[in-house]
Amino acid sequence: MISLPGSLKPICVLDNLSAHKGPDRRAIMNKFCKAEFIPTYSCELNGPIETLWAILKRRVLPRFTKLIAKGTANKTKLKALVKDELLRKIDK
């Protein structure tokens, strides 16, 4: 999400996955952000974010799975793991 100064809502850029476009999802998104959808078949726009998600899943999931196995997993720890990975330098 991109936060803008002032009282403007953050902009959430999404692909055209049908799960992003249902009326219940739109209502939730409109409450917290302004949803913008990238054009269909926009590989140059969708590719980088899909790559980022793949990297995050590959790096965060094993670490979080260990916390689940120990019984110490929670939302706060998941957020910390994701933040930790985002702060690291991610190569292309």
PDB file of N, CA and C in Angstrom:
ATOM      1  N   MET A   1       0.827  -1.184   0.000  1.00  0.00           N
ATOM      2  CA  MET A   1       0.000   0.000   0.000  1.00  0.00           C
ATOM      3  C   MET A   1       0.868   1.242   0.000  1.00  0.00           C
ATOM      4  N   ILE A   2       0.390   2.259  -0.622  1.00  0.00           N
ATOM      5  CA  ILE A   2       1.089   3.532  -0.683  1.00  0.00           C
ATOM      6  C   ILE A   2       0.294   4.540   0.146  1.00  0.00           C
ATOM      7  N   SER A   3       0.901   5.086   1.178  1.00  0.00           N
ATOM      8  CA  SER A   3       0.219   6.074   2.007  1.00  0.00           C
ATOM      9  C   SER A   3       0.500   7.471   1.474  1.00  0.00           C
ATOM     10  N   LEU A   4      -0.521   8.265   1.388  1.00  0.00           N
ATOM     11  CA  LEU A   4      -0.384   9.642   0.930  1.00  0.00           C
ATOM     12  C   LEU A   4      -0.580  10.584   2.102  1.00  0.00           C
ATOM     13  N   PRO A   5       0.064  11.744   2.071  1.00  0.00           N
ATOM     14  CA  PRO A   5      -0.077  12.686   3.182  1.00  0.00           C
ATOM     15  C   PRO A   5      -1.498  13.234   3.284  1.00  0.00           C
ATOM     16  N   GLY A   6      -1.818  13.707   4.459  1.00  0.00           N
ATOM     17  CA  GLY A   6      -3.130  14.309   4.665  1.00  0.00           C
ATOM     18  C   GLY A   6      -4.180  13.273   5.008  1.00  0.00           C
ATOM     19  N   SER A   7      -5.417  13.598   4.698  1.00  0.00           N
ATOM     20  CA  SER A   7      -6.531  12.726   5.068  1.00  0.00           C
ATOM     21  C   SER A   7      -6.912  11.747   3.966  1.00  0.00           C
ATOM     22  N   LEU A   8      -6.095  11.669   2.918  1.00  0.00           N
ATOM     23  CA  LEU A   8      -6.388  10.742   1.837  1.00  0.00           C
ATOM     24  C   LEU A   8      -6.182   9.302   2.284  1.00  0.00           C
ATOM     25  N   LYS A   9      -6.995   8.413   1.742  1.00  0.00           N
ATOM     26  CA  LYS A   9      -6.842   6.997   2.049  1.00  0.00           C
ATOM     27  C   LYS A   9      -5.632   6.446   1.310  1.00  0.00           C
ATOM     28  N   PRO A  10      -4.982   5.420   1.895  1.00  0.00           N
ATOM     29  CA  PRO A  10      -3.891   4.781   1.163  1.00  0.00           C
ATOM     30  C   PRO A  10      -4.439   4.097  -0.090  1.00  0.00           C
ATOM     31  N   ILE A  11      -3.590   3.953  -1.092  1.00  0.00           N
ATOM     32  CA  ILE A  11      -3.979   3.293  -2.330  1.00  0.00           C
ATOM     33  C   ILE A  11      -3.448   1.869  -2.293  1.00  0.00           C
ATOM     34  N   CYS A  12      -4.304   0.912  -2.534  1.00  0.00           N
ATOM     35  CA  CYS A  12      -3.928  -0.494  -2.578  1.00  0.00           C
ATOM     36  C   CYS A  12      -4.026  -0.947  -4.032  1.00  0.00           C
ATOM     37  N   VAL A  13      -2.882  -1.316  -4.619  1.00  0.00           N
ATOM     38  CA  VAL A  13      -2.852  -1.733  -6.014  1.00  0.00           C
ATOM     39  C   VAL A  13      -2.973  -3.245  -6.067  1.00  0.00           C
ATOM     40  N   LEU A  14      -3.993  -3.723  -6.790  1.00  0.00           N
ATOM     41  CA  LEU A  14      -4.290  -5.152  -6.853  1.00  0.00           C
ATOM     42  C   LEU A  14      -4.335  -5.638  -8.291  1.00  0.00           C
ATOM     43  N   ASP A  15      -4.118  -6.947  -8.451  1.00  0.00           N
ATOM     44  CA  ASP A  15      -4.322  -7.520  -9.769  1.00  0.00           C
ATOM     45  C   ASP A  15      -5.807  -7.847  -9.906  1.00  0.00           C
ATOM     46  N   ASN A  16      -6.183  -8.447 -11.004  1.00  0.00           N
ATOM     47  CA  ASN A  16      -7.603  -8.686 -11.275  1.00  0.00           C
ATOM     48  C   ASN A  16      -8.096 -10.052 -10.825  1.00  0.00           C
ATOM     49  N   LEU A  17      -7.480 -10.613  -9.812  1.00  0.00           N
ATOM     50  CA  LEU A  17      -7.935 -11.881  -9.262  1.00  0.00           C
ATOM     51  C   LEU A  17      -9.379 -11.715  -8.788  1.00  0.00           C
ATOM     52  N   SER A  18     -10.234 -12.666  -9.119  1.00  0.00           N
ATOM     53  CA  SER A  18     -11.656 -12.528  -8.781  1.00  0.00           C
ATOM     54  C   SER A  18     -11.882 -12.401  -7.271  1.00  0.00           C
ATOM     55  N   ALA A  19     -10.991 -12.996  -6.471  1.00  0.00           N
ATOM     56  CA  ALA A  19     -11.124 -12.892  -5.012  1.00  0.00           C
ATOM     57  C   ALA A  19     -10.972 -11.452  -4.524  1.00  0.00           C
ATOM     58  N   HIS A  20     -10.314 -10.612  -5.309  1.00  0.00           N
ATOM     59  CA  HIS A  20     -10.137  -9.210  -4.931  1.00  0.00           C
ATOM     60  C   HIS A  20     -11.339  -8.348  -5.294  1.00  0.00           C
ATOM     61  N   LYS A  21     -12.236  -8.877  -6.108  1.00  0.00           N
ATOM     62  CA  LYS A  21     -13.283  -8.036  -6.673  1.00  0.00           C
ATOM     63  C   LYS A  21     -14.691  -8.305  -6.148  1.00  0.00           C
ATOM     64  N   GLY A  22     -14.878  -9.239  -5.240  1.00  0.00           N
ATOM     65  CA  GLY A  22     -16.207  -9.521  -4.715  1.00  0.00           C
ATOM     66  C   GLY A  22     -16.770  -8.328  -3.961  1.00  0.00           C
ATOM     67  N   PRO A  23     -18.099  -8.202  -3.906  1.00  0.00           N
ATOM     68  CA  PRO A  23     -18.705  -7.041  -3.241  1.00  0.00           C
ATOM     69  C   PRO A  23     -18.334  -6.931  -1.757  1.00  0.00           C
ATOM     70  N   ASP A  24     -18.211  -8.067  -1.070  1.00  0.00           N
ATOM     71  CA  ASP A  24     -17.836  -8.008   0.345  1.00  0.00           C
ATOM     72  C   ASP A  24     -16.396  -7.526   0.510  1.00  0.00           C
ATOM     73  N   ARG A  25     -15.509  -7.954  -0.381  1.00  0.00           N
ATOM     74  CA  ARG A  25     -14.115  -7.516  -0.330  1.00  0.00           C
ATOM     75  C   ARG A  25     -14.003  -6.027  -0.645  1.00  0.00           C
ATOM     76  N   ARG A  26     -14.746  -5.594  -1.640  1.00  0.00           N
ATOM     77  CA  ARG A  26     -14.706  -4.171  -2.015  1.00  0.00           C
ATOM     78  C   ARG A  26     -15.172  -3.291  -0.863  1.00  0.00           C
ATOM     79  N   ALA A  27     -16.216  -3.732  -0.173  1.00  0.00           N
ATOM     80  CA  ALA A  27     -16.731  -2.942   0.952  1.00  0.00           C
ATOM     81  C   ALA A  27     -15.668  -2.796   2.038  1.00  0.00           C
ATOM     82  N   ILE A  28     -14.969  -3.887   2.326  1.00  0.00           N
ATOM     83  CA  ILE A  28     -13.912  -3.843   3.342  1.00  0.00           C
ATOM     84  C   ILE A  28     -12.779  -2.939   2.873  1.00  0.00           C
ATOM     85  N   MET A  29     -12.356  -3.123   1.613  1.00  0.00           N
ATOM     86  CA  MET A  29     -11.257  -2.304   1.092  1.00  0.00           C
ATOM     87  C   MET A  29     -11.619  -0.827   1.075  1.00  0.00           C
ATOM     88  N   ASN A  30     -12.825  -0.505   0.649  1.00  0.00           N
ATOM     89  CA  ASN A  30     -13.238   0.900   0.565  1.00  0.00           C
ATOM     90  C   ASN A  30     -13.258   1.575   1.933  1.00  0.00           C
ATOM     91  N   LYS A  31     -13.432   0.776   2.975  1.00  0.00           N
ATOM     92  CA  LYS A  31     -13.436   1.334   4.321  1.00  0.00           C
ATOM     93  C   LYS A  31     -12.035   1.799   4.738  1.00  0.00           C
ATOM     94  N   PHE A  32     -11.010   1.069   4.282  1.00  0.00           N
ATOM     95  CA  PHE A  32      -9.648   1.341   4.731  1.00  0.00           C
ATOM     96  C   PHE A  32      -8.725   1.942   3.680  1.00  0.00           C
ATOM     97  N   CYS A  33      -9.036   1.747   2.397  1.00  0.00           N
ATOM     98  CA  CYS A  33      -8.123   2.222   1.351  1.00  0.00           C
ATOM     99  C   CYS A  33      -8.890   2.443   0.051  1.00  0.00           C
ATOM    100  N   LYS A  34      -8.192   2.989  -0.919  1.00  0.00           N
ATOM    101  CA  LYS A  34      -8.747   3.149  -2.263  1.00  0.00           C
ATOM    102  C   LYS A  34      -8.127   2.053  -3.116  1.00  0.00           C
ATOM    103  N   ALA A  35      -8.947   1.150  -3.637  1.00  0.00           N
ATOM    104  CA  ALA A  35      -8.453   0.031  -4.444  1.00  0.00           C
ATOM    105  C   ALA A  35      -8.278   0.465  -5.891  1.00  0.00           C
ATOM    106  N   GLU A  36      -7.120   0.201  -6.431  1.00  0.00           N
ATOM    107  CA  GLU A  36      -6.834   0.434  -7.842  1.00  0.00           C
ATOM    108  C   GLU A  36      -6.407  -0.904  -8.432  1.00  0.00           C
ATOM    109  N   PHE A  37      -6.945  -1.243  -9.588  1.00  0.00           N
ATOM    110  CA  PHE A  37      -6.646  -2.527 -10.218  1.00  0.00           C
ATOM    111  C   PHE A  37      -5.758  -2.316 -11.436  1.00  0.00           C
ATOM    112  N   ILE A  38      -4.709  -3.140 -11.543  1.00  0.00           N
ATOM    113  CA  ILE A  38      -3.834  -3.034 -12.704  1.00  0.00           C
ATOM    114  C   ILE A  38      -4.568  -3.610 -13.912  1.00  0.00           C
ATOM    115  N   PRO A  39      -4.208  -3.181 -15.102  1.00  0.00           N
ATOM    116  CA  PRO A  39      -4.876  -3.698 -16.296  1.00  0.00           C
ATOM    117  C   PRO A  39      -4.646  -5.199 -16.454  1.00  0.00           C
ATOM    118  N   THR A  40      -5.588  -5.871 -17.088  1.00  0.00           N
ATOM    119  CA  THR A  40      -5.474  -7.296 -17.356  1.00  0.00           C
ATOM    120  C   THR A  40      -4.248  -7.562 -18.216  1.00  0.00           C
ATOM    121  N   TYR A  41      -3.586  -8.679 -17.967  1.00  0.00           N
ATOM    122  CA  TYR A  41      -2.391  -9.093 -18.712  1.00  0.00           C
ATOM    123  C   TYR A  41      -1.282  -8.042 -18.636  1.00  0.00           C
ATOM    124  N   SER A  42      -1.020  -7.550 -17.450  1.00  0.00           N
ATOM    125  CA  SER A  42       0.029  -6.552 -17.244  1.00  0.00           C
ATOM    126  C   SER A  42       1.226  -7.205 -16.569  1.00  0.00           C
ATOM    127  N   CYS A  43       1.908  -8.038 -17.302  1.00  0.00           N
ATOM    128  CA  CYS A  43       3.039  -8.781 -16.739  1.00  0.00           C
ATOM    129  C   CYS A  43       4.110  -7.851 -16.167  1.00  0.00           C
ATOM    130  N   GLU A  44       4.329  -6.715 -16.832  1.00  0.00           N
ATOM    131  CA  GLU A  44       5.370  -5.795 -16.360  1.00  0.00           C
ATOM    132  C   GLU A  44       5.001  -5.169 -15.019  1.00  0.00           C
ATOM    133  N   LEU A  45       3.713  -5.130 -14.689  1.00  0.00           N
ATOM    134  CA  LEU A  45       3.275  -4.587 -13.399  1.00  0.00           C
ATOM    135  C   LEU A  45       3.086  -5.693 -12.364  1.00  0.00           C
ATOM    136  N   ASN A  46       2.561  -6.827 -12.789  1.00  0.00           N
ATOM    137  CA  ASN A  46       2.249  -7.910 -11.872  1.00  0.00           C
ATOM    138  C   ASN A  46       3.478  -8.743 -11.514  1.00  0.00           C
ATOM    139  N   GLY A  47       4.419  -8.862 -12.432  1.00  0.00           N
ATOM    140  CA  GLY A  47       5.594  -9.703 -12.222  1.00  0.00           C
ATOM    141  C   GLY A  47       6.390  -9.382 -10.974  1.00  0.00           C
ATOM    142  N   PRO A  48       6.774  -8.114 -10.764  1.00  0.00           N
ATOM    143  CA  PRO A  48       7.580  -7.803  -9.577  1.00  0.00           C
ATOM    144  C   PRO A  48       6.888  -8.125  -8.253  1.00  0.00           C
ATOM    145  N   ILE A  49       5.602  -7.855  -8.141  1.00  0.00           N
ATOM    146  CA  ILE A  49       4.930  -8.136  -6.863  1.00  0.00           C
ATOM    147  C   ILE A  49       4.774  -9.631  -6.642  1.00  0.00           C
ATOM    148  N   GLU A  50       4.521 -10.386  -7.712  1.00  0.00           N
ATOM    149  CA  GLU A  50       4.421 -11.839  -7.564  1.00  0.00           C
ATOM    150  C   GLU A  50       5.773 -12.418  -7.155  1.00  0.00           C
ATOM    151  N   THR A  51       6.845 -11.858  -7.690  1.00  0.00           N
ATOM    152  CA  THR A  51       8.185 -12.301  -7.308  1.00  0.00           C
ATOM    153  C   THR A  51       8.434 -12.009  -5.830  1.00  0.00           C
ATOM    154  N   LEU A  52       8.038 -10.818  -5.386  1.00  0.00           N
ATOM    155  CA  LEU A  52       8.207 -10.463  -3.981  1.00  0.00           C
ATOM    156  C   LEU A  52       7.428 -11.414  -3.081  1.00  0.00           C
ATOM    157  N   TRP A  53       6.173 -11.713  -3.433  1.00  0.00           N
ATOM    158  CA  TRP A  53       5.371 -12.632  -2.627  1.00  0.00           C
ATOM    159  C   TRP A  53       6.014 -14.014  -2.584  1.00  0.00           C
ATOM    160  N   ALA A  54       6.551 -14.475  -3.700  1.00  0.00           N
ATOM    161  CA  ALA A  54       7.207 -15.785  -3.734  1.00  0.00           C
ATOM    162  C   ALA A  54       8.411 -15.811  -2.794  1.00  0.00           C
ATOM    163  N   ILE A  55       9.206 -14.736  -2.831  1.00  0.00           N
ATOM    164  CA  ILE A  55      10.371 -14.653  -1.947  1.00  0.00           C
ATOM    165  C   ILE A  55       9.937 -14.635  -0.486  1.00  0.00           C
ATOM    166  N   LEU A  56       8.932 -13.813  -0.177  1.00  0.00           N
ATOM    167  CA  LEU A  56       8.466 -13.737   1.211  1.00  0.00           C
ATOM    168  C   LEU A  56       7.930 -15.083   1.689  1.00  0.00           C
ATOM    169  N   LYS A  57       7.139 -15.740   0.846  1.00  0.00           N
ATOM    170  CA  LYS A  57       6.596 -17.052   1.243  1.00  0.00           C
ATOM    171  C   LYS A  57       7.715 -18.059   1.457  1.00  0.00           C
ATOM    172  N   ARG A  58       8.707 -18.046   0.576  1.00  0.00           N
ATOM    173  CA  ARG A  58       9.810 -18.998   0.682  1.00  0.00           C
ATOM    174  C   ARG A  58      10.648 -18.741   1.936  1.00  0.00           C
ATOM    175  N   ARG A  59      10.775 -17.489   2.348  1.00  0.00           N
ATOM    176  CA  ARG A  59      11.616 -17.160   3.502  1.00  0.00           C
ATOM    177  C   ARG A  59      10.846 -17.116   4.822  1.00  0.00           C
ATOM    178  N   VAL A  60       9.608 -16.648   4.789  1.00  0.00           N
ATOM    179  CA  VAL A  60       8.843 -16.474   6.029  1.00  0.00           C
ATOM    180  C   VAL A  60       8.152 -17.768   6.454  1.00  0.00           C
ATOM    181  N   LEU A  61       7.588 -18.492   5.502  1.00  0.00           N
ATOM    182  CA  LEU A  61       6.805 -19.688   5.838  1.00  0.00           C
ATOM    183  C   LEU A  61       7.581 -20.704   6.675  1.00  0.00           C
ATOM    184  N   PRO A  62       8.828 -21.058   6.320  1.00  0.00           N
ATOM    185  CA  PRO A  62       9.547 -22.024   7.160  1.00  0.00           C
ATOM    186  C   PRO A  62       9.779 -21.519   8.588  1.00  0.00           C
ATOM    187  N   ARG A  63      10.079 -20.241   8.710  1.00  0.00           N
ATOM    188  CA  ARG A  63      10.315 -19.682  10.047  1.00  0.00           C
ATOM    189  C   ARG A  63       9.028 -19.671  10.868  1.00  0.00           C
ATOM    190  N   PHE A  64       7.917 -19.305  10.232  1.00  0.00           N
ATOM    191  CA  PHE A  64       6.645 -19.262  10.959  1.00  0.00           C
ATOM    192  C   PHE A  64       6.159 -20.669  11.299  1.00  0.00           C
ATOM    193  N   THR A  65       6.427 -21.625  10.411  1.00  0.00           N
ATOM    194  CA  THR A  65       6.036 -23.018  10.666  1.00  0.00           C
ATOM    195  C   THR A  65       6.723 -23.546  11.921  1.00  0.00           C
ATOM    196  N   LYS A  66       7.989 -23.153  12.116  1.00  0.00           N
ATOM    197  CA  LYS A  66       8.695 -23.565  13.335  1.00  0.00           C
ATOM    198  C   LYS A  66       8.023 -22.989  14.576  1.00  0.00           C
ATOM    199  N   LEU A  67       7.552 -21.754  14.499  1.00  0.00           N
ATOM    200  CA  LEU A  67       6.846 -21.149  15.634  1.00  0.00           C
ATOM    201  C   LEU A  67       5.527 -21.868  15.901  1.00  0.00           C
ATOM    202  N   ILE A  68       4.848 -22.279  14.826  1.00  0.00           N
ATOM    203  CA  ILE A  68       3.595 -23.029  14.988  1.00  0.00           C
ATOM    204  C   ILE A  68       3.877 -24.340  15.690  1.00  0.00           C
ATOM    205  N   ALA A  69       4.933 -25.037  15.273  1.00  0.00           N
ATOM    206  CA  ALA A  69       5.280 -26.326  15.884  1.00  0.00           C
ATOM    207  C   ALA A  69       5.606 -26.176  17.365  1.00  0.00           C
ATOM    208  N   LYS A  70       6.231 -25.056  17.734  1.00  0.00           N
ATOM    209  CA  LYS A  70       6.558 -24.801  19.140  1.00  0.00           C
ATOM    210  C   LYS A  70       5.348 -24.329  19.937  1.00  0.00           C
ATOM    211  N   GLY A  71       4.282 -23.936  19.229  1.00  0.00           N
ATOM    212  CA  GLY A  71       3.095 -23.418  19.902  1.00  0.00           C
ATOM    213  C   GLY A  71       3.215 -21.966  20.313  1.00  0.00           C
ATOM    214  N   THR A  72       4.160 -21.252  19.700  1.00  0.00           N
ATOM    215  CA  THR A  72       4.372 -19.855  20.078  1.00  0.00           C
ATOM    216  C   THR A  72       3.994 -18.882  18.964  1.00  0.00           C
ATOM    217  N   ALA A  73       3.361 -19.370  17.919  1.00  0.00           N
ATOM    218  CA  ALA A  73       3.010 -18.515  16.784  1.00  0.00           C
ATOM    219  C   ALA A  73       1.828 -17.608  17.120  1.00  0.00           C
ATOM    220  N   ASN A  74       1.896 -16.382  16.648  1.00  0.00           N
ATOM    221  CA  ASN A  74       0.769 -15.464  16.749  1.00  0.00           C
ATOM    222  C   ASN A  74       0.917 -14.396  15.663  1.00  0.00           C
ATOM    223  N   LYS A  75      -0.077 -13.570  15.530  1.00  0.00           N
ATOM    224  CA  LYS A  75      -0.105 -12.555  14.477  1.00  0.00           C
ATOM    225  C   LYS A  75       1.048 -11.559  14.624  1.00  0.00           C
ATOM    226  N   THR A  76       1.362 -11.187  15.822  1.00  0.00           N
ATOM    227  CA  THR A  76       2.440 -10.236  16.066  1.00  0.00           C
ATOM    228  C   THR A  76       3.776 -10.793  15.598  1.00  0.00           C
ATOM    229  N   LYS A  77       4.017 -12.068  15.873  1.00  0.00           N
ATOM    230  CA  LYS A  77       5.269 -12.683  15.446  1.00  0.00           C
ATOM    231  C   LYS A  77       5.323 -12.832  13.933  1.00  0.00           C
ATOM    232  N   LEU A  78       4.190 -13.119  13.307  1.00  0.00           N
ATOM    233  CA  LEU A  78       4.161 -13.202  11.850  1.00  0.00           C
ATOM    234  C   LEU A  78       4.489 -11.843  11.236  1.00  0.00           C
ATOM    235  N   LYS A  79       3.886 -10.779  11.770  1.00  0.00           N
ATOM    236  CA  LYS A  79       4.186  -9.430  11.285  1.00  0.00           C
ATOM    237  C   LYS A  79       5.667  -9.114  11.437  1.00  0.00           C
ATOM    238  N   ALA A  80       6.254  -9.513  12.556  1.00  0.00           N
ATOM    239  CA  ALA A  80       7.678  -9.255  12.797  1.00  0.00           C
ATOM    240  C   ALA A  80       8.546 -10.005  11.788  1.00  0.00           C
ATOM    241  N   LEU A  81       8.182 -11.250  11.465  1.00  0.00           N
ATOM    242  CA  LEU A  81       8.943 -12.023  10.482  1.00  0.00           C
ATOM    243  C   LEU A  81       8.874 -11.367   9.104  1.00  0.00           C
ATOM    244  N   VAL A  82       7.683 -10.935   8.701  1.00  0.00           N
ATOM    245  CA  VAL A  82       7.519 -10.294   7.396  1.00  0.00           C
ATOM    246  C   VAL A  82       8.305  -8.985   7.359  1.00  0.00           C
ATOM    247  N   LYS A  83       8.207  -8.201   8.415  1.00  0.00           N
ATOM    248  CA  LYS A  83       8.938  -6.935   8.473  1.00  0.00           C
ATOM    249  C   LYS A  83      10.438  -7.182   8.393  1.00  0.00           C
ATOM    250  N   ASP A  84      10.913  -8.192   9.103  1.00  0.00           N
ATOM    251  CA  ASP A  84      12.326  -8.546   9.076  1.00  0.00           C
ATOM    252  C   ASP A  84      12.779  -8.873   7.655  1.00  0.00           C
ATOM    253  N   GLU A  85      11.983  -9.652   6.932  1.00  0.00           N
ATOM    254  CA  GLU A  85      12.347 -10.010   5.561  1.00  0.00           C
ATOM    255  C   GLU A  85      12.275  -8.800   4.632  1.00  0.00           C
ATOM    256  N   LEU A  86      11.293  -7.931   4.826  1.00  0.00           N
ATOM    257  CA  LEU A  86      11.175  -6.751   3.973  1.00  0.00           C
ATOM    258  C   LEU A  86      12.327  -5.780   4.186  1.00  0.00           C
ATOM    259  N   LEU A  87      12.864  -5.744   5.389  1.00  0.00           N
ATOM    260  CA  LEU A  87      13.974  -4.837   5.685  1.00  0.00           C
ATOM    261  C   LEU A  87      15.315  -5.363   5.157  1.00  0.00           C
ATOM    262  N   ARG A  88      15.374  -6.672   4.890  1.00  0.00           N
ATOM    263  CA  ARG A  88      16.597  -7.237   4.296  1.00  0.00           C
ATOM    264  C   ARG A  88      16.663  -6.827   2.832  1.00  0.00           C
ATOM    265  N   LYS A  89      17.832  -6.831   2.305  1.00  0.00           N
ATOM    266  CA  LYS A  89      17.985  -6.501   0.888  1.00  0.00           C
ATOM    267  C   LYS A  89      17.586  -7.727   0.075  1.00  0.00           C
ATOM    268  N   ILE A  90      16.506  -7.591  -0.708  1.00  0.00           N
ATOM    269  CA  ILE A  90      16.026  -8.688  -1.534  1.00  0.00           C
ATOM    270  C   ILE A  90      16.581  -8.487  -2.939  1.00  0.00           C
ATOM    271  N   ASP A  91      17.341  -9.482  -3.416  1.00  0.00           N
ATOM    272  CA  ASP A  91      17.896  -9.419  -4.767  1.00  0.00           C
ATOM    273  C   ASP A  91      16.809  -9.647  -5.792  1.00  0.00           C
ATOM    274  N   LYS A  92      17.159  -9.385  -7.071  1.00  0.00           N
ATOM    275  CA  LYS A  92      16.190  -9.580  -8.159  1.00  0.00           C
ATOM    276  C   LYS A  92      15.789 -11.038  -8.243  1.00  0.00           C
TER     277      LYS A  92
END
